[in-house]
């Protein structure tokens, strides 16, 4: 029996802080999710929506959140606007708790 890999997409500008957030989330979650960081200066993240279980919107791309949310809603993909105060590598466990709340409502 094969277990489906659970995937999350972190839409961001693509800097070092995002990589650290991604790594922290991959370590903090206890449900087998693998998070991918995708830097964006456009809409290339849309092609990933069919392949993810949740989309996380970093504070740096909050200006795109209405577009991201509209596209996520079309695909029935839950999303989370990451609060700026949670966008710190040492807050990965707390951020995972917020992500988990969104996933539990799915």
C-alpha atoms as a PDB file:
ATOM      1  CA  UNK A   1       0.000   0.000   0.000  1.00  0.00           C
ATOM      2  CA  UNK A   2       1.409   3.368  -1.027  1.00  0.00           C
ATOM      3  CA  UNK A   3       1.071   6.460   1.177  1.00  0.00           C
ATOM      4  CA  UNK A   4       0.414   9.751  -0.614  1.00  0.00           C
ATOM      5  CA  UNK A   5       3.000  12.385   0.150  1.00  0.00           C
ATOM      6  CA  UNK A   6       1.406  15.494   1.595  1.00  0.00           C
ATOM      7  CA  UNK A   7       2.717  18.711   0.100  1.00  0.00           C
ATOM      8  CA  UNK A   8       2.591  22.340   1.075  1.00  0.00           C
ATOM      9  CA  UNK A   9       3.676  25.275  -1.055  1.00  0.00           C
ATOM     10  CA  UNK A  10       5.231  28.363   0.479  1.00  0.00           C
ATOM     11  CA  UNK A  11       4.803  31.283  -1.950  1.00  0.00           C
ATOM     12  CA  UNK A  12       7.449  33.870  -1.276  1.00  0.00           C
ATOM     13  CA  UNK A  13      10.035  36.150  -2.794  1.00  0.00           C
ATOM     14  CA  UNK A  14      12.576  33.348  -2.558  1.00  0.00           C
ATOM     15  CA  UNK A  15      15.157  34.525  -0.064  1.00  0.00           C
ATOM     16  CA  UNK A  16      17.169  32.786   2.600  1.00  0.00           C
ATOM     17  CA  UNK A  17      14.550  33.416   5.302  1.00  0.00           C
ATOM     18  CA  UNK A  18      11.989  31.480   3.273  1.00  0.00           C
ATOM     19  CA  UNK A  19      14.353  28.546   2.920  1.00  0.00           C
ATOM     20  CA  UNK A  20      14.818  28.533   6.693  1.00  0.00           C
ATOM     21  CA  UNK A  21      11.039  28.709   7.241  1.00  0.00           C
ATOM     22  CA  UNK A  22      10.535  25.824   4.808  1.00  0.00           C
ATOM     23  CA  UNK A  23      13.188  23.723   6.537  1.00  0.00           C
ATOM     24  CA  UNK A  24      11.691  24.524   9.934  1.00  0.00           C
ATOM     25  CA  UNK A  25       8.213  23.497   8.802  1.00  0.00           C
ATOM     26  CA  UNK A  26       9.557  20.276   7.330  1.00  0.00           C
ATOM     27  CA  UNK A  27      11.113  19.454  10.711  1.00  0.00           C
ATOM     28  CA  UNK A  28       8.281  20.721  12.924  1.00  0.00           C
ATOM     29  CA  UNK A  29       5.333  18.930  11.366  1.00  0.00           C
ATOM     30  CA  UNK A  30       4.542  15.453  12.540  1.00  0.00           C
ATOM     31  CA  UNK A  31       2.215  14.402   9.744  1.00  0.00           C
ATOM     32  CA  UNK A  32       4.563  13.777   6.852  1.00  0.00           C
ATOM     33  CA  UNK A  33       4.098  17.049   5.002  1.00  0.00           C
ATOM     34  CA  UNK A  34       6.882  18.202   2.723  1.00  0.00           C
ATOM     35  CA  UNK A  35       6.958  21.945   2.161  1.00  0.00           C
ATOM     36  CA  UNK A  36       8.393  23.505  -0.980  1.00  0.00           C
ATOM     37  CA  UNK A  37       9.366  27.143  -1.220  1.00  0.00           C
ATOM     38  CA  UNK A  38       8.635  28.869  -4.512  1.00  0.00           C
ATOM     39  CA  UNK A  39       9.902  32.350  -5.091  1.00  0.00           C
ATOM     40  CA  UNK A  40       7.609  34.357  -7.289  1.00  0.00           C
ATOM     41  CA  UNK A  41       7.650  37.472  -9.329  1.00  0.00           C
ATOM     42  CA  UNK A  42       4.613  36.375 -11.294  1.00  0.00           C
ATOM     43  CA  UNK A  43       2.097  33.560 -11.287  1.00  0.00           C
ATOM     44  CA  UNK A  44       4.209  30.426 -11.802  1.00  0.00           C
ATOM     45  CA  UNK A  45       2.911  29.114  -8.452  1.00  0.00           C
ATOM     46  CA  UNK A  46      -0.517  28.564 -10.093  1.00  0.00           C
ATOM     47  CA  UNK A  47       0.825  25.487 -11.883  1.00  0.00           C
ATOM     48  CA  UNK A  48       1.590  23.924  -8.496  1.00  0.00           C
ATOM     49  CA  UNK A  49      -1.953  24.174  -7.095  1.00  0.00           C
ATOM     50  CA  UNK A  50      -2.988  20.772  -8.458  1.00  0.00           C
ATOM     51  CA  UNK A  51      -0.087  19.177  -6.594  1.00  0.00           C
ATOM     52  CA  UNK A  52      -0.376  20.637  -3.096  1.00  0.00           C
ATOM     53  CA  UNK A  53      -2.546  20.137  -0.033  1.00  0.00           C
ATOM     54  CA  UNK A  54      -2.065  23.673   1.328  1.00  0.00           C
ATOM     55  CA  UNK A  55      -0.588  26.959   0.161  1.00  0.00           C
ATOM     56  CA  UNK A  56       1.198  29.309   2.556  1.00  0.00           C
ATOM     57  CA  UNK A  57       1.456  32.984   1.639  1.00  0.00           C
ATOM     58  CA  UNK A  58       4.537  34.703   3.026  1.00  0.00           C
ATOM     59  CA  UNK A  59       4.339  38.265   4.326  1.00  0.00           C
ATOM     60  CA  UNK A  60       6.576  39.449   1.448  1.00  0.00           C
ATOM     61  CA  UNK A  61       3.934  38.533  -1.151  1.00  0.00           C
ATOM     62  CA  UNK A  62       0.858  39.553   0.804  1.00  0.00           C
ATOM     63  CA  UNK A  63       0.134  42.032  -1.999  1.00  0.00           C
ATOM     64  CA  UNK A  64      -0.677  38.945  -4.133  1.00  0.00           C
ATOM     65  CA  UNK A  65      -2.859  37.288  -1.517  1.00  0.00           C
ATOM     66  CA  UNK A  66      -6.223  38.104  -3.138  1.00  0.00           C
ATOM     67  CA  UNK A  67      -5.022  36.534  -6.406  1.00  0.00           C
ATOM     68  CA  UNK A  68      -3.515  33.527  -4.628  1.00  0.00           C
ATOM     69  CA  UNK A  69      -6.660  32.994  -2.547  1.00  0.00           C
ATOM     70  CA  UNK A  70      -8.938  33.234  -5.603  1.00  0.00           C
ATOM     71  CA  UNK A  71      -6.886  30.618  -7.451  1.00  0.00           C
ATOM     72  CA  UNK A  72      -6.629  28.372  -4.370  1.00  0.00           C
ATOM     73  CA  UNK A  73     -10.413  28.561  -3.906  1.00  0.00           C
ATOM     74  CA  UNK A  74     -10.940  27.462  -7.528  1.00  0.00           C
ATOM     75  CA  UNK A  75      -8.901  24.327  -6.794  1.00  0.00           C
ATOM     76  CA  UNK A  76     -10.304  23.848  -3.279  1.00  0.00           C
ATOM     77  CA  UNK A  77      -6.811  24.210  -1.793  1.00  0.00           C
ATOM     78  CA  UNK A  78      -6.695  25.641   1.727  1.00  0.00           C
ATOM     79  CA  UNK A  79      -4.374  28.581   2.354  1.00  0.00           C
ATOM     80  CA  UNK A  80      -2.823  30.571   5.154  1.00  0.00           C
ATOM     81  CA  UNK A  81      -1.546  34.139   5.124  1.00  0.00           C
ATOM     82  CA  UNK A  82       1.455  33.747   7.387  1.00  0.00           C
ATOM     83  CA  UNK A  83       1.411  36.410  10.106  1.00  0.00           C
ATOM     84  CA  UNK A  84       4.649  38.449   9.944  1.00  0.00           C
ATOM     85  CA  UNK A  85       5.415  37.712  13.609  1.00  0.00           C
ATOM     86  CA  UNK A  86       5.385  33.976  12.778  1.00  0.00           C
ATOM     87  CA  UNK A  87       7.731  34.288   9.801  1.00  0.00           C
ATOM     88  CA  UNK A  88      10.837  33.460  11.808  1.00  0.00           C
ATOM     89  CA  UNK A  89      12.794  30.186  11.711  1.00  0.00           C
ATOM     90  CA  UNK A  90      12.586  29.704  15.470  1.00  0.00           C
ATOM     91  CA  UNK A  91       8.777  30.005  15.291  1.00  0.00           C
ATOM     92  CA  UNK A  92       8.403  26.984  12.960  1.00  0.00           C
ATOM     93  CA  UNK A  93       6.623  24.876  15.576  1.00  0.00           C
ATOM     94  CA  UNK A  94       4.120  27.647  16.283  1.00  0.00           C
ATOM     95  CA  UNK A  95       3.631  28.231  12.563  1.00  0.00           C
ATOM     96  CA  UNK A  96       3.034  24.509  12.076  1.00  0.00           C
ATOM     97  CA  UNK A  97       0.275  24.710  14.712  1.00  0.00           C
ATOM     98  CA  UNK A  98      -1.441  27.449  12.644  1.00  0.00           C
ATOM     99  CA  UNK A  99      -1.029  25.408   9.458  1.00  0.00           C
ATOM    100  CA  UNK A 100      -2.496  22.386  11.227  1.00  0.00           C
ATOM    101  CA  UNK A 101      -5.576  24.404  12.271  1.00  0.00           C
ATOM    102  CA  UNK A 102      -6.207  25.284   8.613  1.00  0.00           C
ATOM    103  CA  UNK A 103      -5.689  21.684   7.503  1.00  0.00           C
ATOM    104  CA  UNK A 104      -8.023  20.359  10.202  1.00  0.00           C
ATOM    105  CA  UNK A 105     -10.830  22.571   8.827  1.00  0.00           C
ATOM    106  CA  UNK A 106     -10.339  21.139   5.325  1.00  0.00           C
END
